[in-house]
Amino acid sequence: MTMGSPFSGDIHANHAWRIYEAINSHKVTEIPGGIDFHTKPPVRTLALWSPLDGVVLPSTSAGSGNDADERIEMPVTHMAFAASKSAVKQVVAVLARELAAG
């Protein structure tokens, strides 16, 4: 599950990559550990995204094509994905649904 994360399209199509590079010792395109953001993991994926994000473009956090199994729109700002009471309730509901589905 991603929460407002830029996993699809251009990794530079957001307002956070410069900050990421400023506080890390590597470029956003050279993330350690061999993580490939352009290859879908071999497990079910859920993309939580917001048209109100303000930090990450919706097109990169919602994904396109087959790079996410499900896309769930949440009307929150970027930081509210994990801080807003309504958003946390929605995340918990999504996780409960996924656990029940097995």
C-alpha atoms as a PDB file:
ATOM      1  CA  MET A   1       0.000   0.000   0.000  1.00  0.00           C
ATOM      2  CA  THR A   2       1.281   3.418  -0.904  1.00  0.00           C
ATOM      3  CA  MET A   3      -0.034   6.612   0.668  1.00  0.00           C
ATOM      4  CA  GLY A   4       0.546   9.585  -1.594  1.00  0.00           C
ATOM      5  CA  SER A   5       3.799   8.081  -2.848  1.00  0.00           C
ATOM      6  CA  PRO A   6       5.165   8.868  -6.324  1.00  0.00           C
ATOM      7  CA  PHE A   7       5.553   5.308  -7.628  1.00  0.00           C
ATOM      8  CA  SER A   8       4.372   5.798 -11.206  1.00  0.00           C
ATOM      9  CA  GLY A   9       5.666   7.929 -14.033  1.00  0.00           C
ATOM     10  CA  ASP A  10       8.426  10.508 -13.626  1.00  0.00           C
ATOM     11  CA  ILE A  11      10.043  10.328 -10.167  1.00  0.00           C
ATOM     12  CA  HIS A  12      10.743  14.060 -10.456  1.00  0.00           C
ATOM     13  CA  ALA A  13       7.064  14.970 -11.027  1.00  0.00           C
ATOM     14  CA  ASN A  14       6.508  16.078  -7.448  1.00  0.00           C
ATOM     15  CA  HIS A  15       7.531  18.836  -5.062  1.00  0.00           C
ATOM     16  CA  ALA A  16       9.548  16.626  -2.697  1.00  0.00           C
ATOM     17  CA  TRP A  17      12.409  15.129  -4.701  1.00  0.00           C
ATOM     18  CA  ARG A  18      14.734  18.093  -4.119  1.00  0.00           C
ATOM     19  CA  ILE A  19      14.183  17.851  -0.359  1.00  0.00           C
ATOM     20  CA  TYR A  20      14.784  14.085  -0.544  1.00  0.00           C
ATOM     21  CA  GLU A  21      18.121  14.640  -2.283  1.00  0.00           C
ATOM     22  CA  ALA A  22      19.090  17.443   0.116  1.00  0.00           C
ATOM     23  CA  ILE A  23      18.724  15.223   3.195  1.00  0.00           C
ATOM     24  CA  ASN A  24      20.093  11.990   1.695  1.00  0.00           C
ATOM     25  CA  SER A  25      23.499  11.109   0.318  1.00  0.00           C
ATOM     26  CA  HIS A  26      22.095   9.903  -2.997  1.00  0.00           C
ATOM     27  CA  LYS A  27      19.846  11.003  -5.829  1.00  0.00           C
ATOM     28  CA  VAL A  28      16.172  10.067  -5.910  1.00  0.00           C
ATOM     29  CA  THR A  29      16.934   7.996  -9.021  1.00  0.00           C
ATOM     30  CA  GLU A  30      19.655   6.033  -7.168  1.00  0.00           C
ATOM     31  CA  ILE A  31      17.802   4.714  -4.107  1.00  0.00           C
ATOM     32  CA  PRO A  32      19.900   2.100  -2.271  1.00  0.00           C
ATOM     33  CA  GLY A  33      18.744  -1.487  -2.077  1.00  0.00           C
ATOM     34  CA  GLY A  34      17.892  -1.950  -5.722  1.00  0.00           C
ATOM     35  CA  ILE A  35      14.324  -0.704  -5.414  1.00  0.00           C
ATOM     36  CA  ASP A  36      12.750  -0.408  -8.846  1.00  0.00           C
ATOM     37  CA  PHE A  37       9.751   1.898  -8.727  1.00  0.00           C
ATOM     38  CA  HIS A  38       8.858   1.140 -12.333  1.00  0.00           C
ATOM     39  CA  THR A  39       8.248  -2.578 -11.769  1.00  0.00           C
ATOM     40  CA  LYS A  40       5.075  -3.627  -9.970  1.00  0.00           C
ATOM     41  CA  PRO A  41       5.788  -5.906  -6.997  1.00  0.00           C
ATOM     42  CA  PRO A  42       4.533  -9.507  -7.362  1.00  0.00           C
ATOM     43  CA  VAL A  43       1.851  -8.914  -4.704  1.00  0.00           C
ATOM     44  CA  ARG A  44      -1.502  -7.107  -4.624  1.00  0.00           C
ATOM     45  CA  THR A  45      -0.949  -3.348  -4.531  1.00  0.00           C
ATOM     46  CA  LEU A  46      -3.170  -0.504  -3.374  1.00  0.00           C
ATOM     47  CA  ALA A  47      -2.462   3.124  -4.232  1.00  0.00           C
ATOM     48  CA  LEU A  48      -4.006   5.700  -1.900  1.00  0.00           C
ATOM     49  CA  TRP A  49      -3.861   9.054  -3.652  1.00  0.00           C
ATOM     50  CA  SER A  50      -5.372  12.496  -3.364  1.00  0.00           C
ATOM     51  CA  PRO A  51      -6.289  15.221  -5.831  1.00  0.00           C
ATOM     52  CA  LEU A  52      -5.571  17.658  -2.957  1.00  0.00           C
ATOM     53  CA  ASP A  53      -2.103  16.261  -2.149  1.00  0.00           C
ATOM     54  CA  GLY A  54      -0.098  19.396  -2.956  1.00  0.00           C
ATOM     55  CA  VAL A  55       3.261  17.596  -2.716  1.00  0.00           C
ATOM     56  CA  VAL A  56       2.956  14.625  -5.067  1.00  0.00           C
ATOM     57  CA  LEU A  57       1.094  14.875  -8.360  1.00  0.00           C
ATOM     58  CA  PRO A  58      -2.026  12.694  -8.440  1.00  0.00           C
ATOM     59  CA  SER A  59      -0.919  11.104 -11.716  1.00  0.00           C
ATOM     60  CA  THR A  60       2.217   9.725 -10.053  1.00  0.00           C
ATOM     61  CA  SER A  61       0.576   8.574  -6.802  1.00  0.00           C
ATOM     62  CA  ALA A  62      -2.569   7.067  -8.371  1.00  0.00           C
ATOM     63  CA  GLY A  63      -0.596   5.205 -10.977  1.00  0.00           C
ATOM     64  CA  SER A  64      -1.621   4.297 -14.482  1.00  0.00           C
ATOM     65  CA  GLY A  65      -2.115   1.172 -16.499  1.00  0.00           C
ATOM     66  CA  ASN A  66      -1.298  -2.005 -14.587  1.00  0.00           C
ATOM     67  CA  ASP A  67       1.128  -0.542 -12.035  1.00  0.00           C
ATOM     68  CA  ALA A  68      -1.441  -0.796  -9.190  1.00  0.00           C
ATOM     69  CA  ASP A  69      -4.192  -3.332  -8.566  1.00  0.00           C
ATOM     70  CA  GLU A  70      -6.483  -0.772  -6.957  1.00  0.00           C
ATOM     71  CA  ARG A  71      -6.532   3.007  -6.682  1.00  0.00           C
ATOM     72  CA  ILE A  72      -8.377   4.665  -3.810  1.00  0.00           C
ATOM     73  CA  GLU A  73      -8.967   8.402  -3.890  1.00  0.00           C
ATOM     74  CA  MET A  74      -8.815  10.165  -0.535  1.00  0.00           C
ATOM     75  CA  PRO A  75      -9.661  13.891  -0.317  1.00  0.00           C
ATOM     76  CA  VAL A  76      -6.769  14.859   1.987  1.00  0.00           C
ATOM     77  CA  THR A  77      -3.565  16.861   1.875  1.00  0.00           C
ATOM     78  CA  HIS A  78      -0.250  14.997   1.693  1.00  0.00           C
ATOM     79  CA  MET A  79       0.497  14.999   5.427  1.00  0.00           C
ATOM     80  CA  ALA A  80      -3.109  14.136   6.311  1.00  0.00           C
ATOM     81  CA  PHE A  81      -2.814  10.606   4.880  1.00  0.00           C
ATOM     82  CA  ALA A  82      -1.399   9.533   8.247  1.00  0.00           C
ATOM     83  CA  ALA A  83      -2.582  12.378  10.474  1.00  0.00           C
ATOM     84  CA  SER A  84      -6.230  13.029   9.634  1.00  0.00           C
ATOM     85  CA  LYS A  85      -8.701  11.065  11.747  1.00  0.00           C
ATOM     86  CA  SER A  86     -10.974  10.453   8.741  1.00  0.00           C
ATOM     87  CA  ALA A  87      -8.037   9.336   6.572  1.00  0.00           C
ATOM     88  CA  VAL A  88      -6.717   6.954   9.233  1.00  0.00           C
ATOM     89  CA  LYS A  89     -10.214   5.458   9.556  1.00  0.00           C
ATOM     90  CA  GLN A  90     -10.347   4.958   5.800  1.00  0.00           C
ATOM     91  CA  VAL A  91      -6.890   3.322   5.759  1.00  0.00           C
ATOM     92  CA  VAL A  92      -7.931   0.982   8.593  1.00  0.00           C
ATOM     93  CA  ALA A  93     -11.128   0.083   6.694  1.00  0.00           C
ATOM     94  CA  VAL A  94      -9.137  -0.698   3.535  1.00  0.00           C
ATOM     95  CA  LEU A  95      -6.686  -2.869   5.498  1.00  0.00           C
ATOM     96  CA  ALA A  96      -9.555  -4.695   7.255  1.00  0.00           C
ATOM     97  CA  ARG A  97     -11.213  -5.349   3.887  1.00  0.00           C
ATOM     98  CA  GLU A  98      -7.945  -6.685   2.439  1.00  0.00           C
ATOM     99  CA  LEU A  99      -7.334  -8.939   5.451  1.00  0.00           C
ATOM    100  CA  ALA A 100     -10.875 -10.314   5.261  1.00  0.00           C
ATOM    101  CA  ALA A 101     -10.449 -11.041   1.552  1.00  0.00           C
ATOM    102  CA  GLY A 102      -7.320 -13.030   2.352  1.00  0.00           C
END
